[in-house]
Amino acid sequence: MKNIKHFRILVMGRANAGKTTILQRVCNSMDKPEIFDGEGNKHGHHDIKHELVFKSNPGFVFHDSCGFEAGSTQQFDQMRSFVVDHAATKRVNDHIHAIWFCIPMTDCHRAVTAAEKKFFNECDTGHVPVIVLLTKVDALYLTAVRELLDEGLTVVEAKERAIEKQEKLLEKWLAYVKDELDKCKYPPKGFVTLRKMHQESADCTVLMETTANFMNEEGLQKLLISTQQSSIQLCIEYAVSK
């Protein structure tokens, strides 16, 4: 484990799923990541093989699936071979340690499309855990208000009851996504709901904790907990529990 310099995460999900924003929160940054190829050369654009690194926390290396979700077979095959290669590689520093699969709640009626089912049915990630992130959960607030207005409530009444309704909608969609993906051949290991990621003060503790819990080696758990900067509390809890 001492030889592993970075905690490497593949981030997947359709365009506008809030992927970059989540990475910025995880790395405590407002900047865009720098993009490098495998040789350490900088790039302006990226593909799945390129490394995304934030100056604020170079201990994390991210890869972006770059929208295989749009349905191109070639992109899917490229993504799958990248996952298989990086899950099985003998070079410890090239290993992917976790996959975050983002599903935005701005598009909740299309939460699980053919693309998601294809990934979870056809992509065996081996020992690399896949965690589904329900992103942009705050968008369900407006959906809640609209549904309450449709039920005949006044605007004031709808706003009063919107938070409660939003929670019910989140429960419903989370249950739906879990149910659909658990039927797949290679279902995700865990699910996390993320709120207010557009705010600098957003809390990533649950995301870090969930990811750490699914690491199959204690050394990797330790690497993740020490690399993440979003929760001092998590570092303390982990140190105490071990």
Protein backbone atom coordinates (compact mmCIF):
# COMPACT_ATOMS: atom_id res chain seq x y z
CA MET A 1 0.00 0.00 0.00
CA LYS A 2 2.86 2.38 0.73
CA ASN A 3 3.67 2.45 -2.98
CA ILE A 4 0.25 3.79 -3.96
CA LYS A 5 0.56 7.53 -4.52
CA HIS A 6 -3.03 8.41 -5.48
CA PHE A 7 -6.59 7.33 -4.81
CA ARG A 8 -8.03 6.86 -8.31
CA ILE A 9 -11.75 7.23 -9.06
CA LEU A 10 -13.67 6.84 -12.32
CA VAL A 11 -16.67 9.19 -12.43
CA MET A 12 -19.51 8.23 -14.73
CA GLY A 13 -22.86 9.67 -15.72
CA ARG A 14 -24.57 11.66 -18.41
CA ALA A 15 -23.74 15.29 -19.25
CA ASN A 16 -25.00 17.83 -16.68
CA ALA A 17 -25.14 15.24 -13.90
CA GLY A 18 -23.05 17.57 -11.71
CA LYS A 19 -19.88 15.47 -11.87
CA THR A 20 -17.33 18.31 -11.92
CA THR A 21 -19.10 20.12 -9.08
CA ILE A 22 -18.92 17.02 -6.87
CA LEU A 23 -15.19 16.62 -7.57
CA GLN A 24 -14.65 20.30 -6.72
CA ARG A 25 -16.41 19.81 -3.37
CA VAL A 26 -14.44 16.64 -2.63
CA CYS A 27 -11.19 18.51 -3.33
CA ASN A 28 -12.26 21.80 -1.70
CA SER A 29 -11.74 23.74 -4.91
CA MET A 30 -13.58 26.23 -7.08
CA ASP A 31 -11.15 25.72 -9.95
CA LYS A 32 -11.49 23.37 -12.88
CA PRO A 33 -9.21 20.32 -12.75
CA GLU A 34 -5.98 20.13 -14.70
CA ILE A 35 -5.97 17.39 -17.34
CA PHE A 36 -2.98 15.13 -17.94
CA ASP A 37 -2.30 12.17 -20.20
CA GLY A 38 -0.52 9.06 -18.91
CA GLU A 39 2.87 10.67 -19.64
CA GLY A 40 2.15 13.70 -17.47
CA ASN A 41 1.52 16.09 -20.40
CA LYS A 42 -1.23 18.66 -19.99
CA HIS A 43 -4.31 18.64 -22.23
CA GLY A 44 -7.14 21.06 -22.93
CA HIS A 45 -9.77 18.40 -23.58
CA HIS A 46 -10.07 14.94 -22.10
CA ASP A 47 -11.03 11.37 -22.76
CA ILE A 48 -11.48 8.55 -20.27
CA LYS A 49 -7.75 7.75 -20.15
CA HIS A 50 -6.78 11.27 -19.15
CA GLU A 51 -6.24 12.11 -15.48
CA LEU A 52 -8.17 14.96 -13.87
CA VAL A 53 -6.29 16.45 -10.93
CA PHE A 54 -7.11 19.41 -8.67
CA LYS A 55 -4.18 21.48 -7.38
CA SER A 56 -5.96 21.74 -4.01
CA ASN A 57 -5.79 17.95 -3.51
CA PRO A 58 -3.45 16.10 -5.89
CA GLY A 59 -3.89 12.93 -3.81
CA PHE A 60 -7.04 12.22 -5.83
CA VAL A 61 -6.86 11.29 -9.51
CA PHE A 62 -10.16 11.23 -11.40
CA HIS A 63 -11.20 9.86 -14.78
CA ASP A 64 -14.37 10.92 -16.57
CA SER A 65 -16.35 8.44 -18.66
CA CYS A 66 -17.07 11.27 -21.14
CA GLY A 67 -20.67 10.50 -21.95
CA PHE A 68 -20.75 6.87 -23.16
CA GLU A 69 -24.36 7.25 -21.96
CA ALA A 70 -25.25 8.93 -25.23
CA GLY A 71 -25.50 5.44 -26.68
CA SER A 72 -22.41 5.00 -28.86
CA THR A 73 -21.29 1.35 -28.82
CA GLN A 74 -17.71 2.39 -29.55
CA GLN A 75 -17.64 4.69 -26.48
CA PHE A 76 -19.18 1.96 -24.32
CA ASP A 77 -16.57 -0.56 -25.44
CA GLN A 78 -13.77 1.94 -24.83
CA MET A 79 -15.13 2.62 -21.33
CA ARG A 80 -15.50 -1.07 -20.54
CA SER A 81 -11.98 -1.95 -21.67
CA PHE A 82 -10.61 0.96 -19.60
CA VAL A 83 -12.47 -0.33 -16.51
CA VAL A 84 -11.33 -3.94 -17.03
CA ASP A 85 -7.70 -2.92 -17.71
CA HIS A 86 -7.50 -0.62 -14.71
CA ALA A 87 -9.24 -3.04 -12.36
CA ALA A 88 -6.85 -5.88 -13.21
CA THR A 89 -3.57 -4.07 -13.92
CA LYS A 90 -0.45 -5.22 -12.07
CA ARG A 91 0.75 -1.61 -11.87
CA VAL A 92 -0.58 -0.55 -8.47
CA ASN A 93 -0.54 3.15 -9.29
CA ASP A 94 -2.81 2.63 -12.31
CA HIS A 95 -5.52 0.80 -10.36
CA ILE A 96 -8.99 2.33 -10.18
CA HIS A 97 -10.11 2.09 -6.57
CA ALA A 98 -13.75 3.13 -6.91
CA ILE A 99 -16.37 4.11 -9.50
CA TRP A 100 -18.94 6.83 -8.82
CA PHE A 101 -21.94 6.59 -11.15
CA CYS A 102 -23.95 9.84 -11.15
CA ILE A 103 -27.70 9.94 -11.82
CA PRO A 104 -29.20 13.45 -11.71
CA MET A 105 -32.59 14.10 -10.11
CA THR A 106 -33.16 16.98 -12.54
CA ASP A 107 -34.02 14.15 -14.91
CA CYS A 108 -35.68 11.79 -12.42
CA HIS A 109 -38.20 10.39 -14.91
CA ARG A 110 -35.22 9.13 -16.91
CA ALA A 111 -33.24 8.02 -13.86
CA VAL A 112 -32.55 4.54 -15.22
CA THR A 113 -32.23 4.44 -19.00
CA ALA A 114 -30.93 1.76 -21.36
CA ALA A 115 -27.41 3.17 -20.80
CA GLU A 116 -27.48 2.54 -17.04
CA LYS A 117 -28.89 -0.95 -17.53
CA LYS A 118 -26.26 -1.73 -20.17
CA PHE A 119 -23.45 -0.71 -17.82
CA PHE A 120 -24.73 -2.66 -14.81
CA ASN A 121 -25.54 -5.73 -16.91
CA GLU A 122 -22.42 -5.85 -19.07
CA CYS A 123 -19.58 -4.23 -17.15
CA ASP A 124 -17.97 -6.52 -14.59
CA THR A 125 -15.83 -4.18 -12.47
CA GLY A 126 -14.33 -7.06 -10.46
CA HIS A 127 -13.36 -5.97 -6.96
CA VAL A 128 -13.77 -2.26 -7.79
CA PRO A 129 -16.94 -1.04 -6.03
CA VAL A 130 -19.47 1.00 -8.00
CA ILE A 131 -21.42 3.53 -5.94
CA VAL A 132 -24.46 5.28 -7.40
CA LEU A 133 -24.68 8.99 -6.60
CA LEU A 134 -28.11 10.59 -6.89
CA THR A 135 -27.08 14.14 -7.75
CA LYS A 136 -28.95 17.47 -7.89
CA VAL A 137 -31.44 16.20 -5.31
CA ASP A 138 -32.41 19.85 -4.64
CA ALA A 139 -34.20 19.88 -8.02
CA LEU A 140 -36.91 17.71 -6.45
CA TYR A 141 -38.02 20.75 -4.39
CA LEU A 142 -39.52 22.40 -7.49
CA THR A 143 -41.08 19.09 -8.55
CA ALA A 144 -42.63 18.89 -5.07
CA VAL A 145 -44.04 22.42 -5.29
CA ARG A 146 -45.51 21.74 -8.75
CA GLU A 147 -47.16 18.49 -7.60
CA LEU A 148 -48.67 20.21 -4.55
CA LEU A 149 -50.02 23.05 -6.70
CA ASP A 150 -51.53 20.43 -9.03
CA GLU A 151 -53.27 18.95 -5.98
CA GLY A 152 -55.03 22.30 -5.50
CA LEU A 153 -52.90 23.86 -2.75
CA THR A 154 -52.16 27.59 -2.73
CA VAL A 155 -48.60 28.75 -3.38
CA VAL A 156 -48.11 29.51 0.35
CA GLU A 157 -49.43 26.06 1.37
CA ALA A 158 -47.33 24.34 -1.30
CA LYS A 159 -44.15 26.04 -0.07
CA GLU A 160 -44.95 25.08 3.53
CA ARG A 161 -45.25 21.41 2.63
CA ALA A 162 -42.64 21.25 -0.14
CA ILE A 163 -39.70 20.00 1.99
CA GLU A 164 -41.74 17.09 3.34
CA LYS A 165 -42.97 16.28 -0.17
CA GLN A 166 -39.41 16.54 -1.54
CA GLU A 167 -38.23 13.90 0.97
CA LYS A 168 -41.04 11.56 -0.11
CA LEU A 169 -40.13 12.04 -3.78
CA LEU A 170 -36.47 11.32 -2.99
CA GLU A 171 -37.46 8.13 -1.15
CA LYS A 172 -39.60 7.08 -4.12
CA TRP A 173 -36.89 7.69 -6.73
CA LEU A 174 -34.11 6.15 -4.64
CA ALA A 175 -36.24 3.02 -4.15
CA TYR A 176 -36.97 2.93 -7.89
CA VAL A 177 -33.27 3.28 -8.89
CA LYS A 178 -32.22 0.63 -6.34
CA ASP A 179 -34.92 -1.75 -7.51
CA GLU A 180 -34.04 -1.36 -11.20
CA LEU A 181 -30.27 -1.65 -10.76
CA ASP A 182 -30.39 -4.48 -8.22
CA LYS A 183 -32.01 -6.62 -10.94
CA CYS A 184 -28.87 -6.20 -13.10
CA LYS A 185 -26.08 -8.76 -13.38
CA TYR A 186 -23.47 -6.50 -11.72
CA PRO A 187 -25.48 -4.24 -9.38
CA PRO A 188 -23.91 -1.27 -7.58
CA LYS A 189 -22.52 -1.76 -4.08
CA GLY A 190 -24.01 1.37 -2.55
CA PHE A 191 -26.17 4.46 -3.03
CA VAL A 192 -25.59 8.03 -1.85
CA THR A 193 -27.85 11.08 -2.21
CA LEU A 194 -26.06 14.42 -2.64
CA ARG A 195 -27.53 17.84 -1.88
CA LYS A 196 -26.43 21.44 -2.25
CA MET A 197 -23.21 20.46 -4.01
CA HIS A 198 -23.22 23.89 -5.70
CA GLN A 199 -22.47 25.41 -2.27
CA GLU A 200 -18.85 25.63 -1.17
CA SER A 201 -19.83 24.38 2.28
CA ALA A 202 -21.45 21.19 0.93
CA ASP A 203 -20.78 18.08 3.00
CA CYS A 204 -19.15 15.06 1.30
CA THR A 205 -18.75 12.99 4.47
CA VAL A 206 -21.40 10.41 3.59
CA LEU A 207 -19.90 9.96 0.11
CA MET A 208 -16.43 9.41 1.59
CA GLU A 209 -17.71 7.11 4.32
CA THR A 210 -19.73 4.98 1.89
CA THR A 211 -16.80 4.72 -0.53
CA ALA A 212 -14.40 3.77 2.28
CA ASN A 213 -16.80 1.12 3.61
CA PHE A 214 -16.73 -0.73 0.29
CA MET A 215 -12.95 -0.86 -0.01
CA ASN A 216 -11.89 -4.49 0.20
CA GLU A 217 -8.50 -3.67 1.71
CA GLU A 218 -7.86 -1.73 4.89
CA GLY A 219 -4.87 -0.01 3.26
CA LEU A 220 -7.14 1.48 0.60
CA GLN A 221 -9.64 2.63 3.24
CA LYS A 222 -6.78 4.35 5.03
CA LEU A 223 -5.54 5.94 1.78
CA LEU A 224 -9.00 7.34 1.00
CA ILE A 225 -9.67 8.63 4.50
CA SER A 226 -6.27 10.34 4.67
CA THR A 227 -6.61 11.81 1.14
CA GLN A 228 -10.08 13.27 1.58
CA GLN A 229 -10.19 16.76 3.09
CA SER A 230 -13.94 17.12 3.44
CA SER A 231 -14.20 15.65 6.93
CA ILE A 232 -11.72 15.85 9.79
CA GLN A 233 -14.36 14.01 11.82
CA LEU A 234 -14.10 11.03 9.47
CA CYS A 235 -10.31 10.88 9.99
CA ILE A 236 -10.82 10.88 13.77
CA GLU A 237 -13.60 8.27 13.70
CA TYR A 238 -11.54 6.02 11.44
CA ALA A 239 -8.43 6.33 13.63
CA VAL A 240 -10.46 5.53 16.77
CA SER A 241 -12.28 2.56 15.21
CA LYS A 242 -9.00 0.98 14.06
